[in-house]
Amino acid sequence: MQTISDNALLNMLRSEDNASFEILYQYYFPTIATYIINNYGQNEDAEDIFQEAIIVLLQKVRQPGFLLTASLKTYLFSIARNLWLKYLRDNKLLPVEDVSVYSCTTEDFPIELHQEKSKDEKVQSWISRITGHCQRILKAIFFYRDPIEVLMKRMGWKNRHTAANQQYKCIQQVKKIKAKEEGR
């Protein structure tokens, strides 16, 4: 497993070392592509958004006083996510208001760019390990902000109590994984 620090990769980007672009593409594109494809996009959209995100990252890195306050993985994903959500809003493909990153699935990378996972990365990891059924429910509730009535119809639930019960069970799955991971 290759290890490279965020600062070393940022320095490579500043000097426009081609290897830095290869590292970014190899280790970050799959997660961003998965996110975009799972949110109304195609692989071509993911490629376009990823390239735009790299351009934004390069512009930011070159600014005097730039300070990375999250992992590079989180920062780049956030740029790509915001670009994708803007694209969806601008093209009226999805009514998005306050969107949570917690609905995103992530993959474990074979390269370790940061010793400690950020809070967002941990939540993403926990959600990616629950059942697909619960991932869809939590995504609909917290990401898409679907009204409970829409979710009830889509899932075939008869009443609000059933919906609340399903939501509770899914949240419990996430809490159980969190507790197990934290050694409780």
N, C-alpha and C. Protein backbone atom coordinates (compact mmCIF):
# COMPACT_ATOMS: atom_id res chain seq x y z
N MET A 1 0.85 -1.19 0.00
CA MET A 1 0.00 0.00 0.00
C MET A 1 0.88 1.24 0.00
N GLN A 2 0.68 2.10 -0.95
CA GLN A 2 1.44 3.34 -1.07
C GLN A 2 0.88 4.36 -0.10
N THR A 3 1.76 5.11 0.54
CA THR A 3 1.31 6.15 1.46
C THR A 3 1.88 7.49 1.02
N ILE A 4 1.02 8.48 1.01
CA ILE A 4 1.46 9.84 0.66
C ILE A 4 0.64 10.80 1.50
N SER A 5 1.28 11.81 2.03
CA SER A 5 0.55 12.76 2.87
C SER A 5 -0.20 13.76 2.00
N ASP A 6 -1.22 14.35 2.58
CA ASP A 6 -1.98 15.38 1.87
C ASP A 6 -1.06 16.53 1.46
N ASN A 7 -0.17 16.94 2.37
CA ASN A 7 0.74 18.06 2.07
C ASN A 7 1.68 17.74 0.92
N ALA A 8 2.17 16.51 0.88
CA ALA A 8 3.06 16.12 -0.22
C ALA A 8 2.30 16.15 -1.55
N LEU A 9 1.06 15.66 -1.53
CA LEU A 9 0.25 15.67 -2.75
C LEU A 9 -0.09 17.10 -3.17
N LEU A 10 -0.37 17.97 -2.20
CA LEU A 10 -0.64 19.38 -2.52
C LEU A 10 0.59 20.04 -3.15
N ASN A 11 1.77 19.73 -2.62
CA ASN A 11 2.99 20.28 -3.20
C ASN A 11 3.21 19.78 -4.62
N MET A 12 2.89 18.52 -4.86
CA MET A 12 2.99 17.97 -6.21
C MET A 12 2.02 18.69 -7.15
N LEU A 13 0.81 18.99 -6.65
CA LEU A 13 -0.18 19.70 -7.46
C LEU A 13 0.29 21.11 -7.78
N ARG A 14 0.85 21.79 -6.78
CA ARG A 14 1.34 23.16 -6.99
C ARG A 14 2.41 23.20 -8.10
N SER A 15 3.23 22.16 -8.14
CA SER A 15 4.29 22.12 -9.16
C SER A 15 3.82 21.43 -10.44
N GLU A 16 2.53 21.13 -10.49
CA GLU A 16 1.89 20.50 -11.65
C GLU A 16 2.58 19.21 -12.07
N ASP A 17 3.01 18.45 -11.08
CA ASP A 17 3.60 17.13 -11.31
C ASP A 17 2.51 16.21 -11.84
N ASN A 18 2.72 15.63 -13.02
CA ASN A 18 1.71 14.76 -13.63
C ASN A 18 1.32 13.59 -12.74
N ALA A 19 2.25 13.12 -11.93
CA ALA A 19 1.95 12.00 -11.04
C ALA A 19 0.84 12.36 -10.06
N SER A 20 0.76 13.63 -9.67
CA SER A 20 -0.28 14.05 -8.72
C SER A 20 -1.67 13.89 -9.34
N PHE A 21 -1.79 14.20 -10.62
CA PHE A 21 -3.08 14.06 -11.30
C PHE A 21 -3.47 12.59 -11.42
N GLU A 22 -2.47 11.75 -11.67
CA GLU A 22 -2.73 10.31 -11.75
C GLU A 22 -3.19 9.76 -10.40
N ILE A 23 -2.56 10.23 -9.33
CA ILE A 23 -2.96 9.79 -7.98
C ILE A 23 -4.38 10.24 -7.68
N LEU A 24 -4.68 11.50 -7.97
CA LEU A 24 -6.04 12.00 -7.74
C LEU A 24 -7.06 11.18 -8.51
N TYR A 25 -6.78 10.94 -9.77
CA TYR A 25 -7.73 10.19 -10.60
C TYR A 25 -7.87 8.76 -10.10
N GLN A 26 -6.78 8.11 -9.84
CA GLN A 26 -6.82 6.71 -9.43
C GLN A 26 -7.55 6.50 -8.11
N TYR A 27 -7.33 7.37 -7.15
CA TYR A 27 -7.86 7.12 -5.82
C TYR A 27 -9.11 7.92 -5.47
N TYR A 28 -9.41 8.99 -6.19
CA TYR A 28 -10.57 9.80 -5.85
C TYR A 28 -11.70 9.72 -6.86
N PHE A 29 -11.38 9.49 -8.12
CA PHE A 29 -12.43 9.45 -9.13
C PHE A 29 -13.48 8.38 -8.85
N PRO A 30 -13.11 7.16 -8.43
CA PRO A 30 -14.15 6.13 -8.22
C PRO A 30 -15.24 6.55 -7.24
N THR A 31 -14.88 7.19 -6.15
CA THR A 31 -15.88 7.62 -5.17
C THR A 31 -16.77 8.72 -5.73
N ILE A 32 -16.16 9.67 -6.40
CA ILE A 32 -16.94 10.77 -6.99
C ILE A 32 -17.85 10.25 -8.09
N ALA A 33 -17.35 9.34 -8.91
CA ALA A 33 -18.17 8.75 -9.97
C ALA A 33 -19.34 7.98 -9.37
N THR A 34 -19.10 7.21 -8.33
CA THR A 34 -20.18 6.46 -7.67
C THR A 34 -21.25 7.41 -7.15
N TYR A 35 -20.82 8.49 -6.52
CA TYR A 35 -21.77 9.47 -5.99
C TYR A 35 -22.62 10.06 -7.12
N ILE A 36 -21.99 10.48 -8.20
CA ILE A 36 -22.72 11.12 -9.30
C ILE A 36 -23.65 10.14 -9.99
N ILE A 37 -23.18 8.93 -10.24
CA ILE A 37 -24.01 7.92 -10.89
C ILE A 37 -25.20 7.55 -10.02
N ASN A 38 -25.00 7.51 -8.70
CA ASN A 38 -26.10 7.20 -7.77
C ASN A 38 -27.06 8.37 -7.61
N ASN A 39 -26.70 9.52 -8.15
CA ASN A 39 -27.53 10.72 -8.01
C ASN A 39 -27.84 11.32 -9.37
N TYR A 40 -28.43 10.51 -10.22
CA TYR A 40 -28.98 10.93 -11.52
C TYR A 40 -27.94 11.24 -12.58
N GLY A 41 -26.71 10.80 -12.42
CA GLY A 41 -25.69 11.10 -13.41
C GLY A 41 -25.23 9.89 -14.18
N GLN A 42 -24.41 10.15 -15.17
CA GLN A 42 -23.78 9.11 -15.99
C GLN A 42 -22.27 9.19 -15.77
N ASN A 43 -21.55 8.19 -16.27
CA ASN A 43 -20.10 8.19 -16.12
C ASN A 43 -19.47 9.43 -16.78
N GLU A 44 -20.03 9.85 -17.91
CA GLU A 44 -19.51 11.04 -18.60
C GLU A 44 -19.68 12.28 -17.72
N ASP A 45 -20.82 12.37 -17.03
CA ASP A 45 -21.03 13.48 -16.10
C ASP A 45 -19.97 13.47 -15.00
N ALA A 46 -19.70 12.26 -14.49
CA ALA A 46 -18.71 12.12 -13.42
C ALA A 46 -17.33 12.58 -13.90
N GLU A 47 -16.97 12.20 -15.13
CA GLU A 47 -15.68 12.62 -15.67
C GLU A 47 -15.60 14.14 -15.79
N ASP A 48 -16.67 14.75 -16.29
CA ASP A 48 -16.70 16.21 -16.43
C ASP A 48 -16.60 16.91 -15.08
N ILE A 49 -17.39 16.46 -14.12
CA ILE A 49 -17.41 17.07 -12.79
C ILE A 49 -16.05 16.88 -12.11
N PHE A 50 -15.46 15.70 -12.25
CA PHE A 50 -14.16 15.44 -11.64
C PHE A 50 -13.11 16.40 -12.21
N GLN A 51 -13.11 16.60 -13.53
CA GLN A 51 -12.16 17.53 -14.14
C GLN A 51 -12.38 18.95 -13.64
N GLU A 52 -13.65 19.36 -13.53
CA GLU A 52 -13.94 20.70 -13.01
C GLU A 52 -13.47 20.82 -11.56
N ALA A 53 -13.67 19.76 -10.78
CA ALA A 53 -13.25 19.78 -9.37
C ALA A 53 -11.73 19.91 -9.26
N ILE A 54 -11.00 19.24 -10.13
CA ILE A 54 -9.54 19.34 -10.14
C ILE A 54 -9.11 20.77 -10.47
N ILE A 55 -9.79 21.39 -11.42
CA ILE A 55 -9.48 22.78 -11.78
C ILE A 55 -9.71 23.71 -10.59
N VAL A 56 -10.84 23.53 -9.91
CA VAL A 56 -11.14 24.34 -8.72
C VAL A 56 -10.07 24.10 -7.65
N LEU A 57 -9.72 22.83 -7.42
CA LEU A 57 -8.69 22.50 -6.43
C LEU A 57 -7.37 23.19 -6.78
N LEU A 58 -6.97 23.13 -8.03
CA LEU A 58 -5.72 23.78 -8.46
C LEU A 58 -5.76 25.29 -8.21
N GLN A 59 -6.90 25.91 -8.52
CA GLN A 59 -7.04 27.35 -8.29
C GLN A 59 -6.91 27.67 -6.80
N LYS A 60 -7.54 26.86 -5.96
CA LYS A 60 -7.48 27.09 -4.52
C LYS A 60 -6.07 26.88 -3.98
N VAL A 61 -5.42 25.80 -4.42
CA VAL A 61 -4.08 25.46 -3.93
C VAL A 61 -3.07 26.56 -4.27
N ARG A 62 -3.26 27.23 -5.39
CA ARG A 62 -2.33 28.28 -5.82
C ARG A 62 -2.56 29.61 -5.11
N GLN A 63 -3.66 29.74 -4.40
CA GLN A 63 -3.93 30.99 -3.69
C GLN A 63 -2.99 31.13 -2.49
N PRO A 64 -2.45 32.33 -2.29
CA PRO A 64 -1.58 32.54 -1.12
C PRO A 64 -2.38 32.29 0.16
N GLY A 65 -1.77 31.63 1.08
CA GLY A 65 -2.42 31.40 2.36
C GLY A 65 -3.41 30.25 2.36
N PHE A 66 -3.47 29.47 1.28
CA PHE A 66 -4.38 28.33 1.25
C PHE A 66 -4.02 27.36 2.37
N LEU A 67 -5.01 26.97 3.14
CA LEU A 67 -4.80 26.03 4.24
C LEU A 67 -5.86 24.96 4.16
N LEU A 68 -5.44 23.73 4.05
CA LEU A 68 -6.36 22.60 3.99
C LEU A 68 -6.77 22.25 5.42
N THR A 69 -8.07 22.38 5.72
CA THR A 69 -8.55 22.13 7.08
C THR A 69 -9.27 20.80 7.22
N ALA A 70 -9.42 20.07 6.12
CA ALA A 70 -9.99 18.73 6.14
C ALA A 70 -9.03 17.84 5.36
N SER A 71 -9.32 16.56 5.28
CA SER A 71 -8.47 15.72 4.45
C SER A 71 -8.67 16.13 2.99
N LEU A 72 -7.67 15.89 2.18
CA LEU A 72 -7.76 16.23 0.76
C LEU A 72 -8.91 15.47 0.11
N LYS A 73 -9.10 14.24 0.54
CA LYS A 73 -10.20 13.40 0.04
C LYS A 73 -11.55 14.08 0.29
N THR A 74 -11.76 14.53 1.50
CA THR A 74 -13.01 15.20 1.87
C THR A 74 -13.17 16.50 1.10
N TYR A 75 -12.09 17.26 0.99
CA TYR A 75 -12.13 18.55 0.31
C TYR A 75 -12.49 18.39 -1.16
N LEU A 76 -11.82 17.47 -1.85
CA LEU A 76 -12.09 17.26 -3.28
C LEU A 76 -13.50 16.72 -3.49
N PHE A 77 -13.93 15.80 -2.62
CA PHE A 77 -15.28 15.26 -2.74
C PHE A 77 -16.31 16.38 -2.56
N SER A 78 -16.06 17.25 -1.61
CA SER A 78 -16.97 18.36 -1.36
C SER A 78 -17.07 19.29 -2.56
N ILE A 79 -15.95 19.58 -3.19
CA ILE A 79 -15.96 20.42 -4.40
C ILE A 79 -16.80 19.74 -5.48
N ALA A 80 -16.54 18.46 -5.72
CA ALA A 80 -17.25 17.73 -6.77
C ALA A 80 -18.74 17.64 -6.45
N ARG A 81 -19.07 17.37 -5.20
CA ARG A 81 -20.48 17.28 -4.80
C ARG A 81 -21.19 18.61 -5.04
N ASN A 82 -20.56 19.70 -4.64
CA ASN A 82 -21.18 21.01 -4.84
C ASN A 82 -21.34 21.35 -6.33
N LEU A 83 -20.35 21.00 -7.13
CA LEU A 83 -20.47 21.22 -8.58
C LEU A 83 -21.61 20.40 -9.17
N TRP A 84 -21.76 19.15 -8.72
CA TRP A 84 -22.82 18.29 -9.23
C TRP A 84 -24.20 18.81 -8.80
N LEU A 85 -24.33 19.20 -7.56
CA LEU A 85 -25.61 19.70 -7.07
C LEU A 85 -25.98 21.00 -7.79
N LYS A 86 -24.99 21.83 -8.06
CA LYS A 86 -25.25 23.07 -8.82
C LYS A 86 -25.73 22.71 -10.22
N TYR A 87 -25.10 21.74 -10.85
CA TYR A 87 -25.51 21.30 -12.18
C TYR A 87 -26.96 20.81 -12.16
N LEU A 88 -27.30 20.00 -11.16
CA LEU A 88 -28.67 19.48 -11.05
C LEU A 88 -29.67 20.61 -10.84
N ARG A 89 -29.33 21.55 -9.97
CA ARG A 89 -30.24 22.68 -9.72
C ARG A 89 -30.39 23.54 -10.97
N ASP A 90 -29.27 23.89 -11.60
CA ASP A 90 -29.30 24.76 -12.77
C ASP A 90 -30.09 24.15 -13.92
N ASN A 91 -30.06 22.84 -14.03
CA ASN A 91 -30.77 22.16 -15.11
C ASN A 91 -32.12 21.62 -14.68
N LYS A 92 -32.53 22.03 -13.47
CA LYS A 92 -33.83 21.65 -12.92
C LYS A 92 -34.07 20.14 -12.99
N LEU A 93 -33.01 19.40 -12.71
CA LEU A 93 -33.11 17.94 -12.72
C LEU A 93 -33.48 17.40 -11.35
N LEU A 94 -33.27 18.21 -10.33
CA LEU A 94 -33.55 17.78 -8.97
C LEU A 94 -33.73 19.00 -8.10
N PRO A 95 -34.85 19.11 -7.39
CA PRO A 95 -35.01 20.22 -6.46
C PRO A 95 -34.20 19.97 -5.20
N VAL A 96 -33.04 20.60 -5.10
CA VAL A 96 -32.15 20.37 -3.97
C VAL A 96 -32.07 21.64 -3.14
N GLU A 97 -32.30 21.49 -1.84
CA GLU A 97 -32.16 22.64 -0.96
C GLU A 97 -30.94 22.43 -0.07
N ASP A 98 -31.16 21.97 1.14
CA ASP A 98 -30.07 21.73 2.06
C ASP A 98 -29.68 20.27 1.96
N VAL A 99 -28.55 19.98 1.33
CA VAL A 99 -28.18 18.61 1.04
C VAL A 99 -27.10 18.15 2.00
N SER A 100 -27.26 16.94 2.49
CA SER A 100 -26.31 16.38 3.43
C SER A 100 -25.36 15.42 2.73
N VAL A 101 -24.12 15.50 3.07
CA VAL A 101 -23.13 14.60 2.50
C VAL A 101 -23.29 13.19 3.06
N TYR A 102 -24.02 13.04 4.14
CA TYR A 102 -24.10 11.75 4.79
C TYR A 102 -24.75 10.67 3.96
N SER A 103 -25.42 11.01 2.89
CA SER A 103 -26.06 9.99 2.07
C SER A 103 -25.09 9.36 1.09
N CYS A 104 -23.90 9.86 1.01
CA CYS A 104 -22.97 9.39 0.00
C CYS A 104 -22.30 8.11 0.45
N THR A 105 -22.09 7.23 -0.50
CA THR A 105 -21.32 6.04 -0.21
C THR A 105 -19.88 6.30 -0.57
N THR A 106 -18.99 5.71 0.19
CA THR A 106 -17.58 5.86 -0.11
C THR A 106 -16.95 4.49 -0.26
N GLU A 107 -15.79 4.49 -0.83
CA GLU A 107 -15.03 3.27 -0.96
C GLU A 107 -13.76 3.45 -0.16
N ASP A 108 -13.23 2.35 0.35
CA ASP A 108 -11.93 2.42 1.01
C ASP A 108 -10.87 2.46 -0.07
N PHE A 109 -9.95 3.39 0.05
CA PHE A 109 -8.91 3.52 -0.95
C PHE A 109 -7.71 2.69 -0.54
N PRO A 110 -6.99 2.10 -1.50
CA PRO A 110 -5.79 1.37 -1.17
C PRO A 110 -4.62 2.29 -0.82
N ILE A 111 -4.83 3.59 -0.89
CA ILE A 111 -3.79 4.54 -0.49
C ILE A 111 -4.30 5.28 0.73
N GLU A 112 -3.46 5.44 1.71
CA GLU A 112 -3.87 6.12 2.93
C GLU A 112 -3.33 7.53 2.89
N LEU A 113 -4.22 8.50 2.70
CA LEU A 113 -3.78 9.89 2.60
C LEU A 113 -3.95 10.65 3.90
N HIS A 114 -4.61 10.03 4.84
CA HIS A 114 -4.85 10.71 6.11
C HIS A 114 -4.98 9.66 7.19
N GLN A 115 -4.33 9.85 8.32
CA GLN A 115 -4.37 8.84 9.37
C GLN A 115 -5.76 8.67 9.95
N GLU A 116 -6.42 9.75 10.27
CA GLU A 116 -7.72 9.71 10.92
C GLU A 116 -8.80 10.11 9.93
N LYS A 117 -9.88 9.33 9.90
CA LYS A 117 -11.00 9.67 9.02
C LYS A 117 -11.74 10.87 9.60
N SER A 118 -12.24 11.72 8.72
CA SER A 118 -13.06 12.84 9.17
C SER A 118 -14.42 12.32 9.61
N LYS A 119 -15.16 13.15 10.30
CA LYS A 119 -16.50 12.76 10.76
C LYS A 119 -17.39 12.37 9.59
N ASP A 120 -17.35 13.15 8.52
CA ASP A 120 -18.16 12.84 7.33
C ASP A 120 -17.79 11.49 6.75
N GLU A 121 -16.49 11.22 6.68
CA GLU A 121 -16.04 9.95 6.12
C GLU A 121 -16.50 8.78 6.98
N LYS A 122 -16.48 8.97 8.30
CA LYS A 122 -16.94 7.91 9.19
C LYS A 122 -18.42 7.63 8.97
N VAL A 123 -19.23 8.68 8.92
CA VAL A 123 -20.67 8.51 8.72
C VAL A 123 -20.92 7.84 7.38
N GLN A 124 -20.22 8.28 6.35
CA GLN A 124 -20.38 7.67 5.03
C GLN A 124 -20.03 6.18 5.07
N SER A 125 -18.98 5.86 5.78
CA SER A 125 -18.55 4.47 5.90
C SER A 125 -19.61 3.64 6.62
N TRP A 126 -20.17 4.18 7.69
CA TRP A 126 -21.20 3.44 8.43
C TRP A 126 -22.43 3.20 7.56
N ILE A 127 -22.86 4.24 6.86
CA ILE A 127 -24.06 4.11 6.02
C ILE A 127 -23.82 3.13 4.88
N SER A 128 -22.61 3.11 4.36
CA SER A 128 -22.33 2.20 3.25
C SER A 128 -22.39 0.73 3.68
N ARG A 129 -22.37 0.47 4.99
CA ARG A 129 -22.38 -0.91 5.48
C ARG A 129 -23.75 -1.38 5.97
N ILE A 130 -24.77 -0.53 5.89
CA ILE A 130 -26.11 -0.98 6.26
C ILE A 130 -26.78 -1.60 5.04
N THR A 131 -27.95 -2.18 5.24
CA THR A 131 -28.64 -2.84 4.12
C THR A 131 -28.98 -1.82 3.04
N GLY A 132 -29.07 -2.31 1.81
CA GLY A 132 -29.44 -1.44 0.69
C GLY A 132 -30.80 -0.80 0.89
N HIS A 133 -31.72 -1.57 1.48
CA HIS A 133 -33.06 -1.07 1.77
C HIS A 133 -32.96 0.16 2.69
N CYS A 134 -32.17 0.04 3.74
CA CYS A 134 -32.02 1.16 4.68
C CYS A 134 -31.24 2.32 4.05
N GLN A 135 -30.28 2.02 3.21
CA GLN A 135 -29.57 3.11 2.52
C GLN A 135 -30.55 3.93 1.70
N ARG A 136 -31.47 3.25 0.99
CA ARG A 136 -32.45 3.97 0.17
C ARG A 136 -33.37 4.82 1.05
N ILE A 137 -33.79 4.27 2.19
CA ILE A 137 -34.69 5.00 3.09
C ILE A 137 -33.99 6.25 3.64
N LEU A 138 -32.79 6.07 4.19
CA LEU A 138 -32.08 7.21 4.78
C LEU A 138 -31.71 8.24 3.72
N LYS A 139 -31.36 7.78 2.53
CA LYS A 139 -31.04 8.70 1.43
C LYS A 139 -32.27 9.53 1.08
N ALA A 140 -33.42 8.87 0.97
CA ALA A 140 -34.66 9.59 0.62
C ALA A 140 -35.01 10.61 1.69
N ILE A 141 -34.86 10.25 2.95
CA ILE A 141 -35.25 11.13 4.05
C ILE A 141 -34.27 12.27 4.24
N PHE A 142 -32.97 11.94 4.32
CA PHE A 142 -31.99 12.95 4.70
C PHE A 142 -31.31 13.63 3.51
N PHE A 143 -31.21 12.95 2.37
CA PHE A 143 -30.55 13.56 1.22
C PHE A 143 -31.54 14.27 0.31
N TYR A 144 -32.54 13.53 -0.11
CA TYR A 144 -33.50 14.10 -1.05
C TYR A 144 -34.62 14.87 -0.36
N ARG A 145 -34.70 14.72 0.96
CA ARG A 145 -35.74 15.41 1.73
C ARG A 145 -37.14 15.08 1.21
N ASP A 146 -37.31 13.82 0.80
CA ASP A 146 -38.63 13.39 0.32
C ASP A 146 -39.65 13.49 1.45
N PRO A 147 -40.83 14.02 1.16
CA PRO A 147 -41.89 14.02 2.16
C PRO A 147 -42.24 12.58 2.53
N ILE A 148 -42.63 12.37 3.76
CA ILE A 148 -42.92 11.03 4.25
C ILE A 148 -44.01 10.36 3.42
N GLU A 149 -44.95 11.15 2.91
CA GLU A 149 -46.04 10.59 2.10
C GLU A 149 -45.49 9.99 0.81
N VAL A 150 -44.53 10.65 0.20
CA VAL A 150 -43.91 10.14 -1.03
C VAL A 150 -43.17 8.84 -0.74
N LEU A 151 -42.44 8.83 0.36
CA LEU A 151 -41.70 7.63 0.75
C LEU A 151 -42.65 6.49 1.08
N MET A 152 -43.75 6.80 1.76
CA MET A 152 -44.74 5.77 2.09
C MET A 152 -45.28 5.12 0.82
N LYS A 153 -45.60 5.92 -0.16
CA LYS A 153 -46.14 5.40 -1.41
C LYS A 153 -45.09 4.56 -2.15
N ARG A 154 -43.87 5.09 -2.24
CA ARG A 154 -42.80 4.40 -2.94
C ARG A 154 -42.48 3.05 -2.31
N MET A 155 -42.49 3.00 -0.98
CA MET A 155 -42.12 1.78 -0.28
C MET A 155 -43.31 0.85 -0.02
N GLY A 156 -44.51 1.35 -0.29
CA GLY A 156 -45.70 0.52 -0.08
C GLY A 156 -46.13 0.41 1.38
N TRP A 157 -45.76 1.40 2.18
CA TRP A 157 -46.15 1.39 3.59
C TRP A 157 -47.56 1.92 3.73
N LYS A 158 -48.28 1.38 4.71
CA LYS A 158 -49.69 1.73 4.89
C LYS A 158 -49.90 3.01 5.70
N ASN A 159 -48.97 3.33 6.62
CA ASN A 159 -49.19 4.49 7.48
C ASN A 159 -47.87 5.10 7.95
N ARG A 160 -47.98 6.25 8.62
CA ARG A 160 -46.80 6.97 9.11
C ARG A 160 -46.05 6.18 10.18
N HIS A 161 -46.78 5.42 10.97
CA HIS A 161 -46.15 4.64 12.03
C HIS A 161 -45.15 3.65 11.42
N THR A 162 -45.54 3.00 10.35
CA THR A 162 -44.65 2.05 9.68
C THR A 162 -43.42 2.78 9.15
N ALA A 163 -43.63 3.95 8.56
CA ALA A 163 -42.51 4.75 8.03
C ALA A 163 -41.55 5.14 9.15
N ALA A 164 -42.09 5.62 10.25
CA ALA A 164 -41.26 6.02 11.39
C ALA A 164 -40.50 4.82 11.95
N ASN A 165 -41.17 3.68 11.99
CA ASN A 165 -40.56 2.45 12.49
C ASN A 165 -39.38 2.03 11.60
N GLN A 166 -39.59 2.10 10.28
CA GLN A 166 -38.52 1.74 9.34
C GLN A 166 -37.33 2.69 9.47
N GLN A 167 -37.63 3.97 9.58
CA GLN A 167 -36.56 4.96 9.75
C GLN A 167 -35.78 4.67 11.02
N TYR A 168 -36.47 4.39 12.11
CA TYR A 168 -35.83 4.08 13.38
C TYR A 168 -34.91 2.86 13.24
N LYS A 169 -35.41 1.80 12.61
CA LYS A 169 -34.61 0.58 12.45
C LYS A 169 -33.35 0.84 11.63
N CYS A 170 -33.48 1.67 10.61
CA CYS A 170 -32.32 1.98 9.77
C CYS A 170 -31.28 2.81 10.54
N ILE A 171 -31.75 3.77 11.30
CA ILE A 171 -30.84 4.57 12.12
C ILE A 171 -30.16 3.69 13.16
N GLN A 172 -30.90 2.72 13.70
CA GLN A 172 -30.32 1.79 14.67
C GLN A 172 -29.20 0.97 14.03
N GLN A 173 -29.37 0.59 12.76
CA GLN A 173 -28.31 -0.15 12.06
C GLN A 173 -27.02 0.68 12.02
N VAL A 174 -27.17 1.96 11.70
CA VAL A 174 -26.01 2.85 11.63
C VAL A 174 -25.38 2.97 13.02
N LYS A 175 -26.22 3.15 14.05
CA LYS A 175 -25.70 3.29 15.42
C LYS A 175 -24.97 2.02 15.87
N LYS A 176 -25.49 0.86 15.48
CA LYS A 176 -24.87 -0.41 15.86
C LYS A 176 -23.48 -0.54 15.23
N ILE A 177 -23.38 -0.19 13.96
CA ILE A 177 -22.08 -0.24 13.27
C ILE A 177 -21.11 0.75 13.91
N LYS A 178 -21.61 1.94 14.25
CA LYS A 178 -20.78 2.96 14.88
C LYS A 178 -20.25 2.45 16.22
N ALA A 179 -21.14 1.89 17.03
CA ALA A 179 -20.74 1.40 18.35
C ALA A 179 -19.72 0.27 18.23
N LYS A 180 -19.95 -0.63 17.29
CA LYS A 180 -19.03 -1.75 17.08
C LYS A 180 -17.65 -1.24 16.66
N GLU A 181 -17.63 -0.25 15.77
CA GLU A 181 -16.37 0.31 15.29
C GLU A 181 -15.63 1.05 16.40
N GLU A 182 -16.39 1.69 17.28
CA GLU A 182 -15.76 2.45 18.37
C GLU A 182 -15.47 1.59 19.58
N GLY A 183 -15.78 0.29 19.48
CA GLY A 183 -15.46 -0.65 20.54
C GLY A 183 -16.34 -0.59 21.76
N ARG A 184 -17.58 -0.18 21.57
CA ARG A 184 -18.50 -0.11 22.71
C ARG A 184 -19.21 -1.41 22.90
